[in-house]
Amino acid sequence: MHLADWIGRDETTGTDFKQLRKEVEADRALRDAADLGNASKHFVRREGERHTYMTSNDVTVYADPGRTSDISHVVTREDGTTFSAQDLVREAFDSWQLILKRHHLL
């Protein structure tokens, strides 16, 4: 279930669910995160849905005991735009922060 659904079903928030949903769906990072999450959760993509993919991952293991490893994932949108999954997570988190503040939920 989507966080917006939880908020919308909680009448004590006083939040306009339709407005909240509209804000969430207008945010590119939240749409990308939802696309990746739904594809991994259901193992399918329905026709007409967005298409954001995890296109590569890389693990670097270091011999230095002070630094064990780095893991990176590349995400690609249907239009060919690429970015790191870590950047997507940061951007989606920041988007939620702004939306929740606008609705006086933080």
PDB file of N, CA and C in Angstrom:
ATOM      1  N   MET A   1       0.845  -1.174   0.000  1.00  0.00           N
ATOM      2  CA  MET A   1       0.000   0.000   0.000  1.00  0.00           C
ATOM      3  C   MET A   1       0.895   1.243   0.000  1.00  0.00           C
ATOM      4  N   HIS A   2       0.479   2.243  -0.682  1.00  0.00           N
ATOM      5  CA  HIS A   2       1.210   3.494  -0.839  1.00  0.00           C
ATOM      6  C   HIS A   2       1.038   4.371   0.408  1.00  0.00           C
ATOM      7  N   LEU A   3       2.085   5.098   0.774  1.00  0.00           N
ATOM      8  CA  LEU A   3       2.012   5.990   1.938  1.00  0.00           C
ATOM      9  C   LEU A   3       0.849   6.961   1.809  1.00  0.00           C
ATOM     10  N   ALA A   4       0.598   7.468   0.607  1.00  0.00           N
ATOM     11  CA  ALA A   4      -0.522   8.388   0.399  1.00  0.00           C
ATOM     12  C   ALA A   4      -1.848   7.721   0.760  1.00  0.00           C
ATOM     13  N   ASP A   5      -1.977   6.433   0.489  1.00  0.00           N
ATOM     14  CA  ASP A   5      -3.205   5.708   0.843  1.00  0.00           C
ATOM     15  C   ASP A   5      -3.375   5.630   2.359  1.00  0.00           C
ATOM     16  N   TRP A   6      -2.280   5.378   3.060  1.00  0.00           N
ATOM     17  CA  TRP A   6      -2.344   5.318   4.525  1.00  0.00           C
ATOM     18  C   TRP A   6      -2.796   6.666   5.088  1.00  0.00           C
ATOM     19  N   ILE A   7      -2.186   7.733   4.587  1.00  0.00           N
ATOM     20  CA  ILE A   7      -2.540   9.073   5.061  1.00  0.00           C
ATOM     21  C   ILE A   7      -3.992   9.384   4.718  1.00  0.00           C
ATOM     22  N   GLY A   8      -4.394   9.048   3.485  1.00  0.00           N
ATOM     23  CA  GLY A   8      -5.760   9.330   3.041  1.00  0.00           C
ATOM     24  C   GLY A   8      -6.818   8.579   3.816  1.00  0.00           C
ATOM     25  N   ARG A   9      -6.479   7.413   4.320  1.00  0.00           N
ATOM     26  CA  ARG A   9      -7.447   6.622   5.090  1.00  0.00           C
ATOM     27  C   ARG A   9      -7.491   7.005   6.566  1.00  0.00           C
ATOM     28  N   ASP A  10      -6.525   7.792   6.995  1.00  0.00           N
ATOM     29  CA  ASP A  10      -6.477   8.226   8.394  1.00  0.00           C
ATOM     30  C   ASP A  10      -7.203   9.562   8.514  1.00  0.00           C
ATOM     31  N   GLU A  11      -8.446   9.507   8.938  1.00  0.00           N
ATOM     32  CA  GLU A  11      -9.279  10.710   9.009  1.00  0.00           C
ATOM     33  C   GLU A  11      -8.743  11.745   9.989  1.00  0.00           C
ATOM     34  N   THR A  12      -7.909  11.332  10.921  1.00  0.00           N
ATOM     35  CA  THR A  12      -7.383  12.286  11.910  1.00  0.00           C
ATOM     36  C   THR A  12      -6.379  13.261  11.299  1.00  0.00           C
ATOM     37  N   THR A  13      -5.861  12.966  10.078  1.00  0.00           N
ATOM     38  CA  THR A  13      -4.891  13.878   9.464  1.00  0.00           C
ATOM     39  C   THR A  13      -5.562  15.122   8.893  1.00  0.00           C
ATOM     40  N   GLY A  14      -6.842  15.015   8.558  1.00  0.00           N
ATOM     41  CA  GLY A  14      -7.543  16.140   7.942  1.00  0.00           C
ATOM     42  C   GLY A  14      -7.020  16.451   6.543  1.00  0.00           C
ATOM     43  N   THR A  15      -6.370  15.492   5.923  1.00  0.00           N
ATOM     44  CA  THR A  15      -5.750  15.695   4.621  1.00  0.00           C
ATOM     45  C   THR A  15      -6.731  15.383   3.498  1.00  0.00           C
ATOM     46  N   ASP A  16      -6.755  16.247   2.487  1.00  0.00           N
ATOM     47  CA  ASP A  16      -7.550  16.016   1.290  1.00  0.00           C
ATOM     48  C   ASP A  16      -6.833  14.948   0.463  1.00  0.00           C
ATOM     49  N   PHE A  17      -7.352  13.730   0.476  1.00  0.00           N
ATOM     50  CA  PHE A  17      -6.692  12.601  -0.171  1.00  0.00           C
ATOM     51  C   PHE A  17      -6.468  12.844  -1.659  1.00  0.00           C
ATOM     52  N   LYS A  18      -7.456  13.389  -2.350  1.00  0.00           N
ATOM     53  CA  LYS A  18      -7.318  13.604  -3.792  1.00  0.00           C
ATOM     54  C   LYS A  18      -6.197  14.598  -4.086  1.00  0.00           C
ATOM     55  N   GLN A  19      -6.096  15.650  -3.290  1.00  0.00           N
ATOM     56  CA  GLN A  19      -5.036  16.630  -3.473  1.00  0.00           C
ATOM     57  C   GLN A  19      -3.667  16.010  -3.187  1.00  0.00           C
ATOM     58  N   LEU A  20      -3.592  15.254  -2.105  1.00  0.00           N
ATOM     59  CA  LEU A  20      -2.341  14.583  -1.751  1.00  0.00           C
ATOM     60  C   LEU A  20      -1.909  13.651  -2.880  1.00  0.00           C
ATOM     61  N   ARG A  21      -2.823  12.857  -3.376  1.00  0.00           N
ATOM     62  CA  ARG A  21      -2.530  11.905  -4.449  1.00  0.00           C
ATOM     63  C   ARG A  21      -2.050  12.633  -5.700  1.00  0.00           C
ATOM     64  N   LYS A  22      -2.681  13.768  -6.008  1.00  0.00           N
ATOM     65  CA  LYS A  22      -2.300  14.558  -7.166  1.00  0.00           C
ATOM     66  C   LYS A  22      -0.857  15.069  -7.026  1.00  0.00           C
ATOM     67  N   GLU A  23      -0.492  15.527  -5.841  1.00  0.00           N
ATOM     68  CA  GLU A  23       0.863  16.007  -5.590  1.00  0.00           C
ATOM     69  C   GLU A  23       1.884  14.871  -5.726  1.00  0.00           C
ATOM     70  N   VAL A  24       1.562  13.721  -5.180  1.00  0.00           N
ATOM     71  CA  VAL A  24       2.466  12.574  -5.245  1.00  0.00           C
ATOM     72  C   VAL A  24       2.648  12.132  -6.694  1.00  0.00           C
ATOM     73  N   GLU A  25       1.570  12.044  -7.441  1.00  0.00           N
ATOM     74  CA  GLU A  25       1.657  11.587  -8.821  1.00  0.00           C
ATOM     75  C   GLU A  25       2.330  12.596  -9.737  1.00  0.00           C
ATOM     76  N   ALA A  26       2.389  13.862  -9.335  1.00  0.00           N
ATOM     77  CA  ALA A  26       3.049  14.894 -10.135  1.00  0.00           C
ATOM     78  C   ALA A  26       4.560  14.916  -9.913  1.00  0.00           C
ATOM     79  N   ASP A  27       5.038  14.242  -8.892  1.00  0.00           N
ATOM     80  CA  ASP A  27       6.456  14.278  -8.544  1.00  0.00           C
ATOM     81  C   ASP A  27       7.212  13.176  -9.280  1.00  0.00           C
ATOM     82  N   ARG A  28       8.204  13.556 -10.076  1.00  0.00           N
ATOM     83  CA  ARG A  28       8.928  12.600 -10.920  1.00  0.00           C
ATOM     84  C   ARG A  28       9.652  11.530 -10.100  1.00  0.00           C
ATOM     85  N   ALA A  29      10.324  11.933  -9.030  1.00  0.00           N
ATOM     86  CA  ALA A  29      11.066  10.961  -8.219  1.00  0.00           C
ATOM     87  C   ALA A  29      10.124   9.955  -7.572  1.00  0.00           C
ATOM     88  N   LEU A  30       8.982  10.424  -7.092  1.00  0.00           N
ATOM     89  CA  LEU A  30       8.026   9.506  -6.460  1.00  0.00           C
ATOM     90  C   LEU A  30       7.412   8.570  -7.499  1.00  0.00           C
ATOM     91  N   ARG A  31       7.187   9.076  -8.701  1.00  0.00           N
ATOM     92  CA  ARG A  31       6.667   8.200  -9.772  1.00  0.00           C
ATOM     93  C   ARG A  31       7.695   7.139 -10.133  1.00  0.00           C
ATOM     94  N   ASP A  32       8.976   7.553 -10.264  1.00  0.00           N
ATOM     95  CA  ASP A  32      10.027   6.581 -10.590  1.00  0.00           C
ATOM     96  C   ASP A  32      10.149   5.525  -9.494  1.00  0.00           C
ATOM     97  N   ALA A  33      10.144   5.961  -8.239  1.00  0.00           N
ATOM     98  CA  ALA A  33      10.257   5.020  -7.125  1.00  0.00           C
ATOM     99  C   ALA A  33       9.067   4.062  -7.109  1.00  0.00           C
ATOM    100  N   ALA A  34       7.882   4.577  -7.367  1.00  0.00           N
ATOM    101  CA  ALA A  34       6.688   3.723  -7.400  1.00  0.00           C
ATOM    102  C   ALA A  34       6.771   2.719  -8.543  1.00  0.00           C
ATOM    103  N   ASP A  35       7.262   3.167  -9.693  1.00  0.00           N
ATOM    104  CA  ASP A  35       7.393   2.271 -10.843  1.00  0.00           C
ATOM    105  C   ASP A  35       8.346   1.126 -10.525  1.00  0.00           C
ATOM    106  N   LEU A  36       9.506   1.446  -9.959  1.00  0.00           N
ATOM    107  CA  LEU A  36      10.469   0.405  -9.595  1.00  0.00           C
ATOM    108  C   LEU A  36       9.901  -0.512  -8.515  1.00  0.00           C
ATOM    109  N   GLY A  37       9.258   0.076  -7.524  1.00  0.00           N
ATOM    110  CA  GLY A  37       8.691  -0.713  -6.427  1.00  0.00           C
ATOM    111  C   GLY A  37       7.598  -1.654  -6.902  1.00  0.00           C
ATOM    112  N   ASN A  38       6.690  -1.147  -7.728  1.00  0.00           N
ATOM    113  CA  ASN A  38       5.594  -1.989  -8.226  1.00  0.00           C
ATOM    114  C   ASN A  38       6.103  -3.099  -9.135  1.00  0.00           C
ATOM    115  N   ALA A  39       7.083  -2.786  -9.980  1.00  0.00           N
ATOM    116  CA  ALA A  39       7.631  -3.816 -10.877  1.00  0.00           C
ATOM    117  C   ALA A  39       8.315  -4.915 -10.082  1.00  0.00           C
ATOM    118  N   SER A  40       9.036  -4.546  -9.026  1.00  0.00           N
ATOM    119  CA  SER A  40       9.727  -5.576  -8.241  1.00  0.00           C
ATOM    120  C   SER A  40       8.752  -6.338  -7.344  1.00  0.00           C
ATOM    121  N   LYS A  41       7.708  -5.671  -6.909  1.00  0.00           N
ATOM    122  CA  LYS A  41       6.719  -6.318  -6.031  1.00  0.00           C
ATOM    123  C   LYS A  41       5.855  -7.324  -6.801  1.00  0.00           C
ATOM    124  N   HIS A  42       5.413  -6.928  -8.001  1.00  0.00           N
ATOM    125  CA  HIS A  42       4.484  -7.759  -8.767  1.00  0.00           C
ATOM    126  C   HIS A  42       5.161  -8.579  -9.866  1.00  0.00           C
ATOM    127  N   PHE A  43       6.436  -8.290 -10.155  1.00  0.00           N
ATOM    128  CA  PHE A  43       7.202  -8.990 -11.185  1.00  0.00           C
ATOM    129  C   PHE A  43       6.621  -8.846 -12.588  1.00  0.00           C
ATOM    130  N   VAL A  44       5.758  -7.859 -12.781  1.00  0.00           N
ATOM    131  CA  VAL A  44       5.194  -7.589 -14.108  1.00  0.00           C
ATOM    132  C   VAL A  44       5.006  -6.087 -14.260  1.00  0.00           C
ATOM    133  N   ARG A  45       4.889  -5.677 -15.501  1.00  0.00           N
ATOM    134  CA  ARG A  45       4.542  -4.288 -15.816  1.00  0.00           C
ATOM    135  C   ARG A  45       3.314  -4.329 -16.713  1.00  0.00           C
ATOM    136  N   ARG A  46       2.338  -3.534 -16.356  1.00  0.00           N
ATOM    137  CA  ARG A  46       1.129  -3.481 -17.171  1.00  0.00           C
ATOM    138  C   ARG A  46       1.324  -2.482 -18.308  1.00  0.00           C
ATOM    139  N   GLU A  47       0.662  -2.750 -19.408  1.00  0.00           N
ATOM    140  CA  GLU A  47       0.733  -1.874 -20.576  1.00  0.00           C
ATOM    141  C   GLU A  47       0.279  -0.467 -20.197  1.00  0.00           C
ATOM    142  N   GLY A  48       1.005   0.524 -20.665  1.00  0.00           N
ATOM    143  CA  GLY A  48       0.630   1.911 -20.406  1.00  0.00           C
ATOM    144  C   GLY A  48       1.209   2.493 -19.132  1.00  0.00           C
ATOM    145  N   GLU A  49       1.833   1.669 -18.289  1.00  0.00           N
ATOM    146  CA  GLU A  49       2.450   2.178 -17.074  1.00  0.00           C
ATOM    147  C   GLU A  49       3.808   2.769 -17.403  1.00  0.00           C
ATOM    148  N   ARG A  50       4.327   3.541 -16.485  1.00  0.00           N
ATOM    149  CA  ARG A  50       5.672   4.098 -16.666  1.00  0.00           C
ATOM    150  C   ARG A  50       6.678   2.967 -16.767  1.00  0.00           C
ATOM    151  N   HIS A  51       7.823   3.300 -17.276  1.00  0.00           N
ATOM    152  CA  HIS A  51       8.856   2.274 -17.418  1.00  0.00           C
ATOM    153  C   HIS A  51      10.203   2.834 -16.971  1.00  0.00           C
ATOM    154  N   THR A  52      10.471   2.690 -15.710  1.00  0.00           N
ATOM    155  CA  THR A  52      11.749   3.038 -15.120  1.00  0.00           C
ATOM    156  C   THR A  52      12.379   1.723 -14.697  1.00  0.00           C
ATOM    157  N   TYR A  53      13.639   1.530 -15.086  1.00  0.00           N
ATOM    158  CA  TYR A  53      14.286   0.249 -14.861  1.00  0.00           C
ATOM    159  C   TYR A  53      15.585   0.391 -14.081  1.00  0.00           C
ATOM    160  N   MET A  54      15.911  -0.615 -13.310  1.00  0.00           N
ATOM    161  CA  MET A  54      17.245  -0.741 -12.735  1.00  0.00           C
ATOM    162  C   MET A  54      18.065  -1.383 -13.839  1.00  0.00           C
ATOM    163  N   THR A  55      19.017  -0.650 -14.404  1.00  0.00           N
ATOM    164  CA  THR A  55      19.714  -1.149 -15.592  1.00  0.00           C
ATOM    165  C   THR A  55      21.106  -1.690 -15.327  1.00  0.00           C
ATOM    166  N   SER A  56      21.700  -1.338 -14.208  1.00  0.00           N
ATOM    167  CA  SER A  56      22.990  -1.947 -13.891  1.00  0.00           C
ATOM    168  C   SER A  56      23.288  -1.785 -12.414  1.00  0.00           C
ATOM    169  N   ASN A  57      24.171  -2.621 -11.953  1.00  0.00           N
ATOM    170  CA  ASN A  57      24.653  -2.483 -10.583  1.00  0.00           C
ATOM    171  C   ASN A  57      26.123  -2.856 -10.567  1.00  0.00           C
ATOM    172  N   ASP A  58      26.795  -2.319  -9.577  1.00  0.00           N
ATOM    173  CA  ASP A  58      28.237  -2.519  -9.504  1.00  0.00           C
ATOM    174  C   ASP A  58      28.632  -2.640  -8.039  1.00  0.00           C
ATOM    175  N   VAL A  59      29.479  -3.574  -7.757  1.00  0.00           N
ATOM    176  CA  VAL A  59      30.003  -3.746  -6.400  1.00  0.00           C
ATOM    177  C   VAL A  59      31.521  -3.647  -6.485  1.00  0.00           C
ATOM    178  N   THR A  60      32.069  -2.772  -5.663  1.00  0.00           N
ATOM    179  CA  THR A  60      33.524  -2.647  -5.570  1.00  0.00           C
ATOM    180  C   THR A  60      33.931  -3.059  -4.170  1.00  0.00           C
ATOM    181  N   VAL A  61      34.797  -4.043  -4.074  1.00  0.00           N
ATOM    182  CA  VAL A  61      35.278  -4.527  -2.783  1.00  0.00           C
ATOM    183  C   VAL A  61      36.723  -4.062  -2.630  1.00  0.00           C
ATOM    184  N   TYR A  62      37.017  -3.451  -1.487  1.00  0.00           N
ATOM    185  CA  TYR A  62      38.345  -2.894  -1.245  1.00  0.00           C
ATOM    186  C   TYR A  62      39.166  -3.803  -0.336  1.00  0.00           C
ATOM    187  N   ALA A  63      40.460  -3.850  -0.574  1.00  0.00           N
ATOM    188  CA  ALA A  63      41.366  -4.603   0.288  1.00  0.00           C
ATOM    189  C   ALA A  63      41.661  -3.830   1.574  1.00  0.00           C
ATOM    190  N   ASP A  64      41.421  -2.539   1.578  1.00  0.00           N
ATOM    191  CA  ASP A  64      41.645  -1.677   2.739  1.00  0.00           C
ATOM    192  C   ASP A  64      40.642  -2.019   3.841  1.00  0.00           C
ATOM    193  N   PRO A  65      41.101  -2.425   5.034  1.00  0.00           N
ATOM    194  CA  PRO A  65      40.174  -2.797   6.101  1.00  0.00           C
ATOM    195  C   PRO A  65      39.274  -1.647   6.568  1.00  0.00           C
ATOM    196  N   GLY A  66      39.675  -0.422   6.304  1.00  0.00           N
ATOM    197  CA  GLY A  66      38.854   0.723   6.709  1.00  0.00           C
ATOM    198  C   GLY A  66      37.710   1.010   5.751  1.00  0.00           C
ATOM    199  N   ARG A  67      37.718   0.387   4.611  1.00  0.00           N
ATOM    200  CA  ARG A  67      36.679   0.620   3.600  1.00  0.00           C
ATOM    201  C   ARG A  67      36.381  -0.710   2.937  1.00  0.00           C
ATOM    202  N   THR A  68      35.250  -1.282   3.235  1.00  0.00           N
ATOM    203  CA  THR A  68      34.980  -2.642   2.774  1.00  0.00           C
ATOM    204  C   THR A  68      34.438  -2.732   1.351  1.00  0.00           C
ATOM    205  N   SER A  69      33.386  -1.933   1.035  1.00  0.00           N
ATOM    206  CA  SER A  69      32.814  -2.039  -0.307  1.00  0.00           C
ATOM    207  C   SER A  69      31.920  -0.845  -0.627  1.00  0.00           C
ATOM    208  N   ASP A  70      31.687  -0.652  -1.906  1.00  0.00           N
ATOM    209  CA  ASP A  70      30.725   0.325  -2.421  1.00  0.00           C
ATOM    210  C   ASP A  70      29.774  -0.423  -3.333  1.00  0.00           C
ATOM    211  N   ILE A  71      28.518  -0.078  -3.262  1.00  0.00           N
ATOM    212  CA  ILE A  71      27.519  -0.673  -4.149  1.00  0.00           C
ATOM    213  C   ILE A  71      26.807   0.467  -4.853  1.00  0.00           C
ATOM    214  N   SER A  72      26.674   0.359  -6.158  1.00  0.00           N
ATOM    215  CA  SER A  72      25.951   1.391  -6.902  1.00  0.00           C
ATOM    216  C   SER A  72      24.988   0.727  -7.881  1.00  0.00           C
ATOM    217  N   HIS A  73      23.876   1.395  -8.087  1.00  0.00           N
ATOM    218  CA  HIS A  73      22.848   0.923  -9.014  1.00  0.00           C
ATOM    219  C   HIS A  73      22.509   2.075  -9.950  1.00  0.00           C
ATOM    220  N   VAL A  74      22.331   1.783 -11.210  1.00  0.00           N
ATOM    221  CA  VAL A  74      21.942   2.791 -12.189  1.00  0.00           C
ATOM    222  C   VAL A  74      20.493   2.548 -12.583  1.00  0.00           C
ATOM    223  N   VAL A  75      19.723   3.628 -12.580  1.00  0.00           N
ATOM    224  CA  VAL A  75      18.315   3.584 -12.959  1.00  0.00           C
ATOM    225  C   VAL A  75      18.184   4.310 -14.298  1.00  0.00           C
ATOM    226  N   THR A  76      17.370   3.761 -15.189  1.00  0.00           N
ATOM    227  CA  THR A  76      17.148   4.375 -16.494  1.00  0.00           C
ATOM    228  C   THR A  76      15.653   4.546 -16.729  1.00  0.00           C
ATOM    229  N   ARG A  77      15.291   5.763 -17.120  1.00  0.00           N
ATOM    230  CA  ARG A  77      13.893   6.028 -17.492  1.00  0.00           C
ATOM    231  C   ARG A  77      13.678   5.612 -18.942  1.00  0.00           C
ATOM    232  N   GLU A  78      12.437   5.496 -19.311  1.00  0.00           N
ATOM    233  CA  GLU A  78      12.083   5.093 -20.673  1.00  0.00           C
ATOM    234  C   GLU A  78      12.684   6.045 -21.710  1.00  0.00           C
ATOM    235  N   ASP A  79      12.860   7.312 -21.351  1.00  0.00           N
ATOM    236  CA  ASP A  79      13.430   8.286 -22.296  1.00  0.00           C
ATOM    237  C   ASP A  79      14.952   8.200 -22.389  1.00  0.00           C
ATOM    238  N   GLY A  80      15.573   7.272 -21.642  1.00  0.00           N
ATOM    239  CA  GLY A  80      17.013   7.082 -21.700  1.00  0.00           C
ATOM    240  C   GLY A  80      17.791   7.830 -20.622  1.00  0.00           C
ATOM    241  N   THR A  81      17.130   8.678 -19.856  1.00  0.00           N
ATOM    242  CA  THR A  81      17.781   9.400 -18.770  1.00  0.00           C
ATOM    243  C   THR A  81      18.268   8.400 -17.727  1.00  0.00           C
ATOM    244  N   THR A  82      19.521   8.552 -17.279  1.00  0.00           N
ATOM    245  CA  THR A  82      20.056   7.657 -16.252  1.00  0.00           C
ATOM    246  C   THR A  82      20.468   8.449 -15.022  1.00  0.00           C
ATOM    247  N   PHE A  83      20.422   7.792 -13.882  1.00  0.00           N
ATOM    248  CA  PHE A  83      20.805   8.399 -12.613  1.00  0.00           C
ATOM    249  C   PHE A  83      21.022   7.281 -11.616  1.00  0.00           C
ATOM    250  N   SER A  84      21.621   7.602 -10.487  1.00  0.00           N
ATOM    251  CA  SER A  84      21.885   6.559  -9.495  1.00  0.00           C
ATOM    252  C   SER A  84      20.638   6.306  -8.648  1.00  0.00           C
ATOM    253  N   ALA A  85      20.489   5.073  -8.236  1.00  0.00           N
ATOM    254  CA  ALA A  85      19.364   4.724  -7.359  1.00  0.00           C
ATOM    255  C   ALA A  85      19.476   5.472  -6.042  1.00  0.00           C
ATOM    256  N   GLN A  86      20.696   5.697  -5.577  1.00  0.00           N
ATOM    257  CA  GLN A  86      20.892   6.438  -4.334  1.00  0.00           C
ATOM    258  C   GLN A  86      20.364   7.866  -4.475  1.00  0.00           C
ATOM    259  N   ASP A  87      20.592   8.491  -5.631  1.00  0.00           N
ATOM    260  CA  ASP A  87      20.055   9.837  -5.865  1.00  0.00           C
ATOM    261  C   ASP A  87      18.538   9.807  -5.906  1.00  0.00           C
ATOM    262  N   LEU A  88      17.969   8.764  -6.515  1.00  0.00           N
ATOM    263  CA  LEU A  88      16.516   8.640  -6.561  1.00  0.00           C
ATOM    264  C   LEU A  88      15.940   8.532  -5.158  1.00  0.00           C
ATOM    265  N   VAL A  89      16.554   7.733  -4.314  1.00  0.00           N
ATOM    266  CA  VAL A  89      16.069   7.574  -2.939  1.00  0.00           C
ATOM    267  C   VAL A  89      16.116   8.910  -2.207  1.00  0.00           C
ATOM    268  N   ARG A  90      17.232   9.631  -2.339  1.00  0.00           N
ATOM    269  CA  ARG A  90      17.341  10.948  -1.683  1.00  0.00           C
ATOM    270  C   ARG A  90      16.274  11.909  -2.183  1.00  0.00           C
ATOM    271  N   GLU A  91      16.087  11.938  -3.506  1.00  0.00           N
ATOM    272  CA  GLU A  91      15.116  12.853  -4.094  1.00  0.00           C
ATOM    273  C   GLU A  91      13.684  12.491  -3.678  1.00  0.00           C
ATOM    274  N   ALA A  92      13.362  11.205  -3.671  1.00  0.00           N
ATOM    275  CA  ALA A  92      12.022  10.773  -3.259  1.00  0.00           C
ATOM    276  C   ALA A  92      11.785  11.103  -1.781  1.00  0.00           C
ATOM    277  N   PHE A  93      12.784  10.898  -0.944  1.00  0.00           N
ATOM    278  CA  PHE A  93      12.672  11.230   0.475  1.00  0.00           C
ATOM    279  C   PHE A  93      12.427  12.729   0.650  1.00  0.00           C
ATOM    280  N   ASP A  94      13.191  13.546  -0.065  1.00  0.00           N
ATOM    281  CA  ASP A  94      13.012  14.999   0.015  1.00  0.00           C
ATOM    282  C   ASP A  94      11.627  15.416  -0.473  1.00  0.00           C
ATOM    283  N   SER A  95      11.136  14.762  -1.520  1.00  0.00           N
ATOM    284  CA  SER A  95       9.806  15.065  -2.044  1.00  0.00           C
ATOM    285  C   SER A  95       8.730  14.768  -1.007  1.00  0.00           C
ATOM    286  N   TRP A  96       8.846  13.601  -0.348  1.00  0.00           N
ATOM    287  CA  TRP A  96       7.885  13.267   0.698  1.00  0.00           C
ATOM    288  C   TRP A  96       7.945  14.279   1.834  1.00  0.00           C
ATOM    289  N   GLN A  97       9.148  14.692   2.207  1.00  0.00           N
ATOM    290  CA  GLN A  97       9.295  15.686   3.275  1.00  0.00           C
ATOM    291  C   GLN A  97       8.511  16.954   2.929  1.00  0.00           C
ATOM    292  N   LEU A  98       8.680  17.450   1.706  1.00  0.00           N
ATOM    293  CA  LEU A  98       7.984  18.673   1.285  1.00  0.00           C
ATOM    294  C   LEU A  98       6.470  18.492   1.277  1.00  0.00           C
ATOM    295  N   ILE A  99       6.021  17.380   0.729  1.00  0.00           N
ATOM    296  CA  ILE A  99       4.574  17.123   0.664  1.00  0.00           C
ATOM    297  C   ILE A  99       3.992  17.021   2.069  1.00  0.00           C
ATOM    298  N   LEU A 100       4.649  16.274   2.945  1.00  0.00           N
ATOM    299  CA  LEU A 100       4.139  16.123   4.312  1.00  0.00           C
ATOM    300  C   LEU A 100       4.135  17.451   5.054  1.00  0.00           C
ATOM    301  N   LYS A 101       5.141  18.276   4.831  1.00  0.00           N
ATOM    302  CA  LYS A 101       5.154  19.599   5.462  1.00  0.00           C
ATOM    303  C   LYS A 101       4.021  20.464   4.947  1.00  0.00           C
ATOM    304  N   ARG A 102       3.776  20.430   3.641  1.00  0.00           N
ATOM    305  CA  ARG A 102       2.675  21.228   3.061  1.00  0.00           C
ATOM    306  C   ARG A 102       1.330  20.842   3.670  1.00  0.00           C
ATOM    307  N   HIS A 103       1.202  19.580   4.040  1.00  0.00           N
ATOM    308  CA  HIS A 103      -0.060  19.086   4.615  1.00  0.00           C
ATOM    309  C   HIS A 103      -0.022  19.095   6.151  1.00  0.00           C
ATOM    310  N   HIS A 104       1.002  19.737   6.709  1.00  0.00           N
ATOM    311  CA  HIS A 104       1.163  19.869   8.165  1.00  0.00           C
ATOM    312  C   HIS A 104       1.193  18.508   8.862  1.00  0.00           C
ATOM    313  N   LEU A 105       1.880  17.563   8.228  1.00  0.00           N
ATOM    314  CA  LEU A 105       1.989  16.223   8.783  1.00  0.00           C
ATOM    315  C   LEU A 105       3.388  15.932   9.321  1.00  0.00           C
ATOM    316  N   LEU A 106       4.264  16.934   9.283  1.00  0.00           N
ATOM    317  CA  LEU A 106       5.602  16.804   9.876  1.00  0.00           C
ATOM    318  C   LEU A 106       5.805  17.910  10.882  1.00  0.00           C
TER     319      LEU A 106
END
